[in-house]
Structures are given as C-alpha cells and as structure tokens.
Amino acid sequence: MRTPSPRKLARLNARQRKKMHLGEFQEHVFEVQISFKEALSTTAFENFLGLFIAYVESRQLFVGALGGQFPEEKTEGIIFAAGRHSPTEEDRVAVQQWLQEQAEIEQASCSELTDAWYGWTSA
C-alpha cells in the first residue's frame, strides 16, 4: 500500500486521516535483529526473552515476532508502542544499547523508525 500524495492527504478530514493512520495519526515501528554468541536452548532463550520483554515494556513498548527454530542462533522481531503511539528515536537507541550489553548476544541492531502501515516494501 502506498502513502497518499500530499495533495490527497490535504483533502482528508481528521476522521479519515485517523482511520488511514496518516498525518498526525501516523504510527512508527522499528525492527530488531539479534545474533547470539552460541545457539540458545529453549530454556535459555525463554530466560533472555523474559528479560527483554520486561525491559521493552518498562519503556511502554511491545515486542513481537521474536523466536524461531531451536536451538536459537539468531532472531528478529518488531518493536511497537501501545495504542496509537510510536516509539521514539530515544527508545530505539535505548533498546539497541540494552541488547548490546547482554552477555549472550554477539550482535544486535535496530532499524530506523518505519511507518507501521505504509513503510514496508513488498517481497
């Protein structure tokens, strides 16, 4: 789905912009990519995931789509805010810093903030 042109956006009223997640109602997310130093067992991954979720939720954010096939060598997911809000650049940097401080992680990165509704490229 493409973002409407500025001309079309100007013709939409607030209710329409809210329904379409545009303008002042735009929402952002960011992706996280994590590589572990060594493959994690189910228990070790669940322990890591519990700590990560607790940290992310302490910033009023949520995480989704982490996981995969065990033993877990790498994973990726998405970070988003509750309700009709967006994570901030400060949130993105803080999450990346927290991930890089964890002993079991070899490499972690966070993407730039992306429009949650119109920012994805089709495969």
Protein backbone atom coordinates (compact mmCIF):
# COMPACT_ATOMS: atom_id res chain seq x y z
CA MET A 1 0.00 0.00 0.00
CA ARG A 2 1.34 3.43 -0.88
CA THR A 3 1.14 6.58 1.20
CA PRO A 4 -1.33 9.04 -0.32
CA SER A 5 0.15 12.07 -2.07
CA PRO A 6 0.35 15.35 -0.11
CA ARG A 7 -2.46 16.69 -2.30
CA LYS A 8 -4.79 13.80 -1.39
CA LEU A 9 -3.74 13.98 2.26
CA ALA A 10 -4.77 17.64 2.37
CA ARG A 11 -8.28 16.69 1.19
CA LEU A 12 -8.81 14.17 4.01
CA ASN A 13 -10.51 15.21 7.23
CA ALA A 14 -9.21 14.19 10.68
CA ARG A 15 -11.51 11.16 10.89
CA GLN A 16 -10.24 9.86 7.56
CA ARG A 17 -6.58 10.52 8.46
CA LYS A 18 -7.08 8.65 11.75
CA LYS A 19 -8.72 5.69 10.02
CA MET A 20 -5.90 5.56 7.46
CA HIS A 21 -3.10 6.17 10.03
CA LEU A 22 -1.87 9.28 8.24
CA GLY A 23 -0.68 12.76 9.18
CA GLU A 24 -0.86 13.34 12.91
CA PHE A 25 -2.12 9.75 13.32
CA GLN A 26 0.90 8.12 11.65
CA GLU A 27 2.45 5.26 13.66
CA HIS A 28 6.06 4.06 13.57
CA VAL A 29 7.82 0.82 14.49
CA PHE A 30 11.37 -0.49 14.28
CA GLU A 31 12.88 -3.91 13.69
CA VAL A 32 15.49 -5.65 15.85
CA GLN A 33 17.96 -8.24 14.59
CA ILE A 34 19.80 -10.35 17.17
CA SER A 35 22.62 -12.88 16.74
CA PHE A 36 23.64 -14.95 19.77
CA LYS A 37 27.24 -15.93 20.59
CA GLU A 38 26.14 -19.55 20.73
CA ALA A 39 22.83 -21.22 19.95
CA LEU A 40 20.38 -20.88 22.84
CA SER A 41 18.32 -23.79 24.12
CA THR A 42 14.60 -23.34 24.66
CA THR A 43 15.11 -22.54 28.37
CA ALA A 44 17.97 -20.09 27.77
CA PHE A 45 16.01 -18.30 25.03
CA GLU A 46 12.90 -18.07 27.23
CA ASN A 47 15.03 -16.56 30.03
CA PHE A 48 16.51 -14.00 27.64
CA LEU A 49 13.10 -13.26 26.15
CA GLY A 50 11.59 -12.68 29.60
CA LEU A 51 14.27 -10.13 30.45
CA PHE A 52 13.98 -8.43 27.06
CA ILE A 53 10.20 -8.19 27.23
CA ALA A 54 10.39 -6.75 30.77
CA TYR A 55 12.85 -4.09 29.58
CA VAL A 56 10.83 -3.19 26.48
CA GLU A 57 7.59 -2.99 28.48
CA SER A 58 9.29 -0.72 31.03
CA ARG A 59 9.53 1.79 28.16
CA GLN A 60 5.79 1.36 27.36
CA LEU A 61 6.62 -0.61 24.22
CA PHE A 62 5.83 -4.10 22.98
CA VAL A 63 7.85 -6.66 21.08
CA GLY A 64 6.55 -9.16 18.56
CA ALA A 65 7.71 -11.91 16.23
CA LEU A 66 10.86 -12.95 18.13
CA GLY A 67 11.65 -16.63 18.04
CA GLY A 68 12.25 -19.33 15.53
CA GLN A 69 13.55 -22.86 15.49
CA PHE A 70 15.59 -24.15 18.42
CA PRO A 71 18.44 -24.11 19.13
CA GLU A 72 18.11 -20.35 18.54
CA GLU A 73 21.15 -18.80 16.80
CA LYS A 74 19.53 -15.58 15.61
CA THR A 75 16.16 -13.95 15.67
CA GLU A 76 14.41 -10.80 14.60
CA GLY A 77 11.30 -9.00 15.65
CA ILE A 78 9.47 -5.72 15.74
CA ILE A 79 9.11 -3.10 18.46
CA PHE A 80 5.96 -1.01 18.62
CA ALA A 81 4.17 1.23 21.10
CA ALA A 82 0.88 0.58 22.83
CA GLY A 83 -2.22 2.14 21.34
CA ARG A 84 -1.92 4.78 18.66
CA HIS A 85 1.56 5.92 19.57
CA SER A 86 5.04 5.41 18.19
CA PRO A 87 8.39 4.54 19.72
CA THR A 88 10.79 7.48 19.78
CA GLU A 89 14.33 7.65 18.48
CA GLU A 90 15.41 7.60 22.13
CA ASP A 91 13.51 4.31 22.60
CA ARG A 92 15.22 2.83 19.55
CA VAL A 93 18.69 3.77 20.78
CA ALA A 94 17.95 2.55 24.32
CA VAL A 95 16.72 -0.85 23.09
CA GLN A 96 19.78 -1.29 20.88
CA GLN A 97 22.10 -0.32 23.74
CA TRP A 98 20.36 -2.74 26.14
CA LEU A 99 20.70 -5.58 23.61
CA GLN A 100 24.38 -4.87 23.03
CA GLU A 101 25.03 -5.01 26.80
CA GLN A 102 23.71 -8.57 27.12
CA ALA A 103 26.40 -11.23 27.53
CA GLU A 104 24.73 -13.84 25.31
CA ILE A 105 24.41 -11.51 22.30
CA GLU A 106 27.12 -11.37 19.66
CA GLN A 107 25.49 -8.69 17.53
CA ALA A 108 22.29 -6.66 17.75
CA SER A 109 20.93 -3.90 15.57
CA CYS A 110 17.78 -1.84 15.31
CA SER A 111 16.44 -0.45 12.07
CA GLU A 112 15.41 3.14 11.62
CA LEU A 113 11.84 4.07 12.54
CA THR A 114 9.49 2.91 9.79
CA ASP A 115 5.88 3.80 9.06
CA ALA A 116 3.96 0.88 10.55
CA TRP A 117 1.20 0.97 7.94
CA TYR A 118 2.90 2.18 4.75
CA GLY A 119 6.64 1.69 5.29
CA TRP A 120 7.09 -1.93 4.29
CA THR A 121 8.32 -3.00 0.90
CA SER A 122 6.62 -5.92 -0.76
CA ALA A 123 8.67 -9.06 -1.33
